[in-house]
Amino acid sequence: MDYIVFSAIYACRAGWRTITLSYDIACQYFKNLKRRMADPTFPEHLRLDHHHVRVKPAIPKFHLPAHQEK
């Protein structure tokens, strides 16, 4: 998943500073993203710190009830 997402961001990054990534499990996906990107097996050219791009998570509306207190 990481390789696919960040390959697409890399291909379209021209001048972008912030990218909003809407994903139904963004709450889980972004938890260890920095750790996964620091892994030596993750391609260095896809790491965001090299491009000064910020990726913001967004959770689609249908997933929000899972995050609300009853």
N, C-alpha and C. Protein backbone atom coordinates (compact mmCIF):
# COMPACT_ATOMS: atom_id res chain seq x y z
N MET A 1 0.82 -1.19 0.00
CA MET A 1 0.00 0.00 0.00
C MET A 1 0.87 1.26 0.00
N ASP A 2 1.89 1.30 0.86
CA ASP A 2 2.74 2.48 0.94
C ASP A 2 3.40 2.79 -0.40
N TYR A 3 3.92 1.76 -1.03
CA TYR A 3 4.61 1.97 -2.31
C TYR A 3 3.67 2.55 -3.36
N ILE A 4 2.47 2.04 -3.44
CA ILE A 4 1.49 2.51 -4.43
C ILE A 4 1.12 3.96 -4.16
N VAL A 5 0.78 4.27 -2.91
CA VAL A 5 0.35 5.63 -2.55
C VAL A 5 1.47 6.64 -2.81
N PHE A 6 2.66 6.34 -2.34
CA PHE A 6 3.73 7.32 -2.45
C PHE A 6 4.36 7.38 -3.83
N SER A 7 4.20 6.35 -4.63
CA SER A 7 4.59 6.42 -6.04
C SER A 7 3.67 7.39 -6.77
N ALA A 8 2.38 7.34 -6.48
CA ALA A 8 1.43 8.26 -7.10
C ALA A 8 1.70 9.70 -6.65
N ILE A 9 1.97 9.89 -5.38
CA ILE A 9 2.30 11.24 -4.88
C ILE A 9 3.58 11.73 -5.54
N TYR A 10 4.58 10.89 -5.65
CA TYR A 10 5.85 11.26 -6.27
C TYR A 10 5.64 11.69 -7.72
N ALA A 11 4.80 10.98 -8.42
CA ALA A 11 4.56 11.29 -9.83
C ALA A 11 3.80 12.61 -10.03
N CYS A 12 3.03 13.03 -9.05
CA CYS A 12 2.18 14.21 -9.19
C CYS A 12 2.59 15.38 -8.28
N ARG A 13 3.75 15.34 -7.69
CA ARG A 13 4.10 16.24 -6.61
C ARG A 13 4.50 17.65 -7.02
N ALA A 14 4.60 17.95 -8.26
CA ALA A 14 5.14 19.23 -8.75
C ALA A 14 4.61 20.44 -7.99
N GLY A 15 5.41 20.94 -7.06
CA GLY A 15 5.07 22.16 -6.34
C GLY A 15 4.07 22.00 -5.21
N TRP A 16 3.58 20.82 -4.98
CA TRP A 16 2.60 20.62 -3.91
C TRP A 16 3.29 20.67 -2.56
N ARG A 17 2.62 21.27 -1.59
CA ARG A 17 3.15 21.31 -0.23
C ARG A 17 2.30 20.46 0.72
N THR A 18 1.01 20.35 0.44
CA THR A 18 0.12 19.55 1.28
C THR A 18 -0.76 18.69 0.39
N ILE A 19 -0.88 17.44 0.76
CA ILE A 19 -1.74 16.51 0.04
C ILE A 19 -2.69 15.89 1.06
N THR A 20 -3.98 15.90 0.76
CA THR A 20 -4.97 15.27 1.63
C THR A 20 -5.28 13.89 1.07
N LEU A 21 -5.08 12.90 1.92
CA LEU A 21 -5.30 11.52 1.52
C LEU A 21 -6.53 10.99 2.25
N SER A 22 -7.60 10.78 1.51
CA SER A 22 -8.83 10.27 2.09
C SER A 22 -8.83 8.75 1.96
N TYR A 23 -8.95 8.11 3.11
CA TYR A 23 -8.83 6.65 3.16
C TYR A 23 -9.68 6.16 4.33
N ASP A 24 -10.49 5.13 4.12
CA ASP A 24 -11.43 4.71 5.16
C ASP A 24 -10.74 4.22 6.43
N ILE A 25 -9.49 3.79 6.35
CA ILE A 25 -8.80 3.40 7.57
C ILE A 25 -7.58 4.30 7.81
N ALA A 26 -7.70 5.56 7.41
CA ALA A 26 -6.61 6.52 7.61
C ALA A 26 -6.21 6.60 9.08
N CYS A 27 -7.16 6.41 9.96
CA CYS A 27 -6.88 6.44 11.39
C CYS A 27 -5.83 5.39 11.76
N GLN A 28 -5.84 4.26 11.10
CA GLN A 28 -4.86 3.21 11.36
C GLN A 28 -3.63 3.34 10.44
N TYR A 29 -3.87 3.71 9.20
CA TYR A 29 -2.79 3.76 8.21
C TYR A 29 -1.69 4.75 8.61
N PHE A 30 -2.07 5.90 9.14
CA PHE A 30 -1.09 6.93 9.44
C PHE A 30 -0.36 6.74 10.76
N LYS A 31 -0.80 5.80 11.58
CA LYS A 31 -0.19 5.61 12.90
C LYS A 31 1.31 5.38 12.85
N ASN A 32 1.77 4.51 12.02
CA ASN A 32 3.20 4.16 11.96
C ASN A 32 3.84 4.51 10.62
N LEU A 33 3.26 5.48 9.94
CA LEU A 33 3.76 5.82 8.61
C LEU A 33 5.22 6.26 8.65
N LYS A 34 5.60 7.12 9.57
CA LYS A 34 6.98 7.59 9.64
C LYS A 34 7.95 6.43 9.88
N ARG A 35 7.55 5.52 10.73
CA ARG A 35 8.40 4.35 11.01
C ARG A 35 8.56 3.49 9.75
N ARG A 36 7.45 3.29 9.03
CA ARG A 36 7.52 2.47 7.81
C ARG A 36 8.39 3.15 6.74
N MET A 37 8.29 4.48 6.64
CA MET A 37 9.10 5.20 5.65
C MET A 37 10.58 5.18 6.02
N ALA A 38 10.89 5.09 7.30
CA ALA A 38 12.29 5.06 7.74
C ALA A 38 12.92 3.69 7.53
N ASP A 39 12.11 2.69 7.27
CA ASP A 39 12.62 1.33 7.05
C ASP A 39 13.57 1.35 5.84
N PRO A 40 14.72 0.73 5.95
CA PRO A 40 15.69 0.73 4.86
C PRO A 40 15.17 0.12 3.56
N THR A 41 14.13 -0.70 3.63
CA THR A 41 13.59 -1.30 2.41
C THR A 41 12.64 -0.37 1.66
N PHE A 42 12.21 0.73 2.30
CA PHE A 42 11.32 1.69 1.64
C PHE A 42 12.18 2.55 0.71
N PRO A 43 11.79 2.67 -0.57
CA PRO A 43 12.61 3.42 -1.53
C PRO A 43 12.85 4.87 -1.07
N GLU A 44 14.09 5.24 -1.05
CA GLU A 44 14.46 6.56 -0.54
C GLU A 44 13.83 7.70 -1.34
N HIS A 45 13.69 7.56 -2.64
CA HIS A 45 13.13 8.65 -3.45
C HIS A 45 11.64 8.89 -3.18
N LEU A 46 10.97 7.95 -2.51
CA LEU A 46 9.54 8.13 -2.21
C LEU A 46 9.30 8.71 -0.82
N ARG A 47 10.33 8.87 -0.03
CA ARG A 47 10.16 9.39 1.33
C ARG A 47 9.81 10.87 1.29
N LEU A 48 8.80 11.25 2.05
CA LEU A 48 8.29 12.61 2.00
C LEU A 48 9.28 13.64 2.51
N ASP A 49 10.13 13.28 3.45
CA ASP A 49 11.05 14.27 4.00
C ASP A 49 12.02 14.81 2.96
N HIS A 50 12.20 14.10 1.86
CA HIS A 50 13.06 14.57 0.78
C HIS A 50 12.37 15.60 -0.10
N HIS A 51 11.07 15.68 -0.02
CA HIS A 51 10.31 16.55 -0.93
C HIS A 51 9.55 17.66 -0.21
N HIS A 52 9.63 17.71 1.10
CA HIS A 52 8.96 18.75 1.89
C HIS A 52 7.47 18.81 1.58
N VAL A 53 6.86 17.65 1.50
CA VAL A 53 5.43 17.53 1.25
C VAL A 53 4.77 16.99 2.51
N ARG A 54 3.65 17.59 2.88
CA ARG A 54 2.89 17.14 4.05
C ARG A 54 1.67 16.36 3.56
N VAL A 55 1.44 15.20 4.14
CA VAL A 55 0.25 14.41 3.79
C VAL A 55 -0.68 14.42 4.99
N LYS A 56 -1.89 14.94 4.77
CA LYS A 56 -2.90 15.00 5.83
C LYS A 56 -3.91 13.87 5.64
N PRO A 57 -4.24 13.15 6.70
CA PRO A 57 -5.26 12.12 6.58
C PRO A 57 -6.66 12.72 6.64
N ALA A 58 -7.57 12.12 5.90
CA ALA A 58 -8.98 12.49 5.96
C ALA A 58 -9.78 11.20 6.00
N ILE A 59 -10.73 11.14 6.90
CA ILE A 59 -11.56 9.95 7.05
C ILE A 59 -12.91 10.23 6.38
N PRO A 60 -13.33 9.40 5.44
CA PRO A 60 -14.61 9.61 4.78
C PRO A 60 -15.78 9.62 5.78
N LYS A 61 -16.81 10.33 5.44
CA LYS A 61 -17.95 10.53 6.33
C LYS A 61 -18.57 9.22 6.83
N PHE A 62 -18.65 8.20 5.98
CA PHE A 62 -19.31 6.95 6.41
C PHE A 62 -18.52 6.22 7.50
N HIS A 63 -17.25 6.58 7.68
CA HIS A 63 -16.40 5.92 8.69
C HIS A 63 -16.40 6.69 10.02
N LEU A 64 -16.86 7.93 10.01
CA LEU A 64 -16.82 8.76 11.23
C LEU A 64 -17.57 8.19 12.42
N PRO A 65 -18.72 7.55 12.26
CA PRO A 65 -19.41 7.02 13.45
C PRO A 65 -18.56 6.07 14.29
N ALA A 66 -17.59 5.43 13.70
CA ALA A 66 -16.71 4.54 14.46
C ALA A 66 -15.80 5.31 15.41
N HIS A 67 -15.71 6.64 15.24
CA HIS A 67 -14.83 7.46 16.04
C HIS A 67 -15.59 8.40 16.99
N GLN A 68 -16.87 8.21 17.13
CA GLN A 68 -17.66 9.07 18.00
C GLN A 68 -18.06 8.30 19.24
N GLU A 69 -18.00 9.02 20.37
CA GLU A 69 -18.45 8.41 21.61
C GLU A 69 -19.96 8.35 21.62
N LYS A 70 -20.48 7.28 22.17
CA LYS A 70 -21.94 7.13 22.24
C LYS A 70 -22.47 7.89 23.43
